[in-house]
Amino acid sequence: MDPLHEIQRRQLRLIESASINEACATDLLSLLRKLTVAEASNVLNMVTLLQSEAEFLRRLSNEITIRDYRGLPG
């Protein structure tokens, strides 16, 4: 497989994962209004973790792309 194509495939998958995490976080936040305070607090902690992971995936994707593009001939 072409190295550039592989870089792009991995980057796309990381971005898709981050988008899924963000969408889930948004949906969960809309449900918080229907929960007890304790339940809402637990869900909010999970949402915060999902958002943190989404940001981590974005940074990882960027780092991988930069590293891999530097390794390409040209």
N, C-alpha and C. Protein backbone atom coordinates (compact mmCIF):
# COMPACT_ATOMS: atom_id res chain seq x y z
N MET A 1 0.85 -1.18 0.00
CA MET A 1 0.00 0.00 0.00
C MET A 1 0.90 1.25 0.00
N ASP A 2 0.50 2.22 -0.75
CA ASP A 2 1.21 3.49 -0.84
C ASP A 2 1.31 4.13 0.55
N PRO A 3 2.52 4.54 0.98
CA PRO A 3 2.67 5.13 2.33
C PRO A 3 1.79 6.35 2.55
N LEU A 4 1.65 7.19 1.56
CA LEU A 4 0.80 8.37 1.70
C LEU A 4 -0.65 7.97 1.91
N HIS A 5 -1.09 6.97 1.16
CA HIS A 5 -2.46 6.48 1.30
C HIS A 5 -2.69 5.91 2.71
N GLU A 6 -1.72 5.18 3.22
CA GLU A 6 -1.82 4.62 4.56
C GLU A 6 -1.87 5.72 5.62
N ILE A 7 -1.08 6.74 5.47
CA ILE A 7 -1.10 7.88 6.40
C ILE A 7 -2.49 8.51 6.40
N GLN A 8 -3.03 8.75 5.23
CA GLN A 8 -4.33 9.38 5.11
C GLN A 8 -5.43 8.50 5.70
N ARG A 9 -5.34 7.18 5.49
CA ARG A 9 -6.33 6.25 6.02
C ARG A 9 -6.33 6.27 7.54
N ARG A 10 -5.14 6.24 8.15
CA ARG A 10 -5.05 6.27 9.61
C ARG A 10 -5.53 7.60 10.16
N GLN A 11 -5.17 8.68 9.51
CA GLN A 11 -5.61 9.99 9.96
C GLN A 11 -7.13 10.10 9.90
N LEU A 12 -7.73 9.63 8.83
CA LEU A 12 -9.17 9.68 8.69
C LEU A 12 -9.85 8.87 9.79
N ARG A 13 -9.32 7.71 10.10
CA ARG A 13 -9.91 6.87 11.14
C ARG A 13 -9.84 7.55 12.50
N LEU A 14 -8.73 8.19 12.80
CA LEU A 14 -8.61 8.91 14.07
C LEU A 14 -9.60 10.08 14.14
N ILE A 15 -9.76 10.79 13.06
CA ILE A 15 -10.70 11.91 13.02
C ILE A 15 -12.13 11.41 13.17
N GLU A 16 -12.46 10.30 12.51
CA GLU A 16 -13.80 9.72 12.64
C GLU A 16 -14.08 9.33 14.08
N SER A 17 -13.11 8.73 14.74
CA SER A 17 -13.27 8.33 16.13
C SER A 17 -13.51 9.54 17.02
N ALA A 18 -12.76 10.60 16.80
CA ALA A 18 -12.95 11.82 17.59
C ALA A 18 -14.34 12.40 17.36
N SER A 19 -14.82 12.36 16.13
CA SER A 19 -16.16 12.89 15.82
C SER A 19 -17.25 12.07 16.49
N ILE A 20 -17.08 10.76 16.51
CA ILE A 20 -18.05 9.89 17.18
C ILE A 20 -18.08 10.21 18.67
N ASN A 21 -16.92 10.36 19.27
CA ASN A 21 -16.86 10.70 20.69
C ASN A 21 -17.57 12.02 20.97
N GLU A 22 -17.34 13.00 20.13
CA GLU A 22 -17.98 14.31 20.33
C GLU A 22 -19.48 14.22 20.18
N ALA A 23 -19.96 13.46 19.20
CA ALA A 23 -21.40 13.30 18.99
C ALA A 23 -22.04 12.63 20.21
N CYS A 24 -21.39 11.61 20.73
CA CYS A 24 -21.90 10.93 21.92
C CYS A 24 -21.94 11.89 23.10
N ALA A 25 -20.90 12.67 23.25
CA ALA A 25 -20.85 13.64 24.35
C ALA A 25 -21.99 14.64 24.25
N THR A 26 -22.27 15.10 23.06
CA THR A 26 -23.37 16.06 22.86
C THR A 26 -24.71 15.43 23.22
N ASP A 27 -24.93 14.21 22.77
CA ASP A 27 -26.18 13.52 23.09
C ASP A 27 -26.32 13.29 24.59
N LEU A 28 -25.25 12.90 25.23
CA LEU A 28 -25.30 12.68 26.67
C LEU A 28 -25.62 13.96 27.44
N LEU A 29 -25.03 15.05 26.99
CA LEU A 29 -25.31 16.33 27.67
C LEU A 29 -26.79 16.69 27.59
N SER A 30 -27.44 16.38 26.49
CA SER A 30 -28.87 16.70 26.36
C SER A 30 -29.72 15.86 27.30
N LEU A 31 -29.23 14.70 27.71
CA LEU A 31 -29.97 13.85 28.64
C LEU A 31 -29.78 14.24 30.10
N LEU A 32 -28.75 15.02 30.39
CA LEU A 32 -28.45 15.39 31.78
C LEU A 32 -29.63 16.06 32.48
N ARG A 33 -30.40 16.81 31.75
CA ARG A 33 -31.51 17.55 32.35
C ARG A 33 -32.57 16.62 32.95
N LYS A 34 -32.60 15.38 32.49
CA LYS A 34 -33.63 14.42 32.93
C LYS A 34 -33.18 13.55 34.10
N LEU A 35 -31.96 13.72 34.55
CA LEU A 35 -31.40 12.84 35.57
C LEU A 35 -31.37 13.50 36.94
N THR A 36 -31.21 12.66 37.96
CA THR A 36 -30.99 13.20 39.31
C THR A 36 -29.63 13.88 39.33
N VAL A 37 -29.37 14.62 40.38
CA VAL A 37 -28.09 15.33 40.51
C VAL A 37 -26.93 14.33 40.50
N ALA A 38 -27.06 13.24 41.25
CA ALA A 38 -25.98 12.25 41.32
C ALA A 38 -25.77 11.58 39.96
N GLU A 39 -26.85 11.23 39.30
CA GLU A 39 -26.73 10.61 37.97
C GLU A 39 -26.12 11.58 36.97
N ALA A 40 -26.57 12.81 37.01
CA ALA A 40 -26.04 13.83 36.10
C ALA A 40 -24.55 14.05 36.33
N SER A 41 -24.14 14.03 37.57
CA SER A 41 -22.73 14.21 37.89
C SER A 41 -21.89 13.08 37.30
N ASN A 42 -22.36 11.85 37.43
CA ASN A 42 -21.65 10.71 36.85
C ASN A 42 -21.56 10.80 35.33
N VAL A 43 -22.66 11.16 34.71
CA VAL A 43 -22.67 11.28 33.26
C VAL A 43 -21.76 12.41 32.82
N LEU A 44 -21.78 13.51 33.53
CA LEU A 44 -20.92 14.64 33.19
C LEU A 44 -19.45 14.25 33.25
N ASN A 45 -19.08 13.45 34.23
CA ASN A 45 -17.70 12.96 34.31
C ASN A 45 -17.35 12.11 33.09
N MET A 46 -18.28 11.28 32.65
CA MET A 46 -18.03 10.46 31.45
C MET A 46 -17.90 11.33 30.20
N VAL A 47 -18.74 12.34 30.09
CA VAL A 47 -18.70 13.25 28.95
C VAL A 47 -17.36 13.97 28.92
N THR A 48 -16.92 14.43 30.06
CA THR A 48 -15.63 15.12 30.14
C THR A 48 -14.51 14.21 29.67
N LEU A 49 -14.55 12.95 30.07
CA LEU A 49 -13.55 11.98 29.63
C LEU A 49 -13.61 11.77 28.11
N LEU A 50 -14.81 11.64 27.57
CA LEU A 50 -14.95 11.48 26.12
C LEU A 50 -14.40 12.68 25.36
N GLN A 51 -14.67 13.87 25.85
CA GLN A 51 -14.16 15.06 25.18
C GLN A 51 -12.64 15.12 25.27
N SER A 52 -12.10 14.72 26.38
CA SER A 52 -10.65 14.69 26.54
C SER A 52 -10.02 13.69 25.56
N GLU A 53 -10.65 12.54 25.43
CA GLU A 53 -10.15 11.53 24.49
C GLU A 53 -10.25 12.01 23.05
N ALA A 54 -11.31 12.72 22.72
CA ALA A 54 -11.45 13.25 21.36
C ALA A 54 -10.31 14.22 21.05
N GLU A 55 -9.98 15.07 22.01
CA GLU A 55 -8.88 16.02 21.82
C GLU A 55 -7.56 15.27 21.70
N PHE A 56 -7.38 14.23 22.51
CA PHE A 56 -6.16 13.41 22.43
C PHE A 56 -6.03 12.79 21.04
N LEU A 57 -7.13 12.27 20.50
CA LEU A 57 -7.09 11.66 19.18
C LEU A 57 -6.73 12.68 18.10
N ARG A 58 -7.24 13.91 18.24
CA ARG A 58 -6.88 14.96 17.27
C ARG A 58 -5.38 15.24 17.31
N ARG A 59 -4.84 15.38 18.52
CA ARG A 59 -3.40 15.66 18.65
C ARG A 59 -2.57 14.49 18.13
N LEU A 60 -2.98 13.28 18.44
CA LEU A 60 -2.26 12.09 17.99
C LEU A 60 -2.28 12.01 16.46
N SER A 61 -3.42 12.28 15.87
CA SER A 61 -3.53 12.26 14.42
C SER A 61 -2.58 13.27 13.80
N ASN A 62 -2.54 14.46 14.37
CA ASN A 62 -1.66 15.50 13.86
C ASN A 62 -0.19 15.09 13.98
N GLU A 63 0.18 14.55 15.13
CA GLU A 63 1.57 14.13 15.34
C GLU A 63 1.97 13.01 14.38
N ILE A 64 1.08 12.04 14.20
CA ILE A 64 1.37 10.92 13.30
C ILE A 64 1.52 11.43 11.87
N THR A 65 0.63 12.31 11.47
CA THR A 65 0.69 12.83 10.11
C THR A 65 1.97 13.60 9.86
N ILE A 66 2.32 14.47 10.80
CA ILE A 66 3.56 15.24 10.64
C ILE A 66 4.77 14.31 10.59
N ARG A 67 4.82 13.35 11.50
CA ARG A 67 5.95 12.42 11.55
C ARG A 67 6.04 11.60 10.25
N ASP A 68 4.91 11.07 9.79
CA ASP A 68 4.91 10.24 8.60
C ASP A 68 5.19 11.01 7.32
N TYR A 69 4.67 12.23 7.23
CA TYR A 69 4.96 13.04 6.04
C TYR A 69 6.44 13.38 5.95
N ARG A 70 7.06 13.61 7.08
CA ARG A 70 8.49 13.90 7.08
C ARG A 70 9.29 12.69 6.58
N GLY A 71 8.76 11.50 6.80
CA GLY A 71 9.48 10.29 6.38
C GLY A 71 9.29 9.93 4.92
N LEU A 72 8.42 10.64 4.22
CA LEU A 72 8.19 10.35 2.81
C LEU A 72 9.32 10.92 1.94
N PRO A 73 9.68 10.20 0.91
CA PRO A 73 10.70 10.75 -0.01
C PRO A 73 10.12 11.93 -0.78
N GLY A 74 10.96 12.83 -1.13
CA GLY A 74 10.45 13.91 -1.96
C GLY A 74 11.00 15.19 -1.57
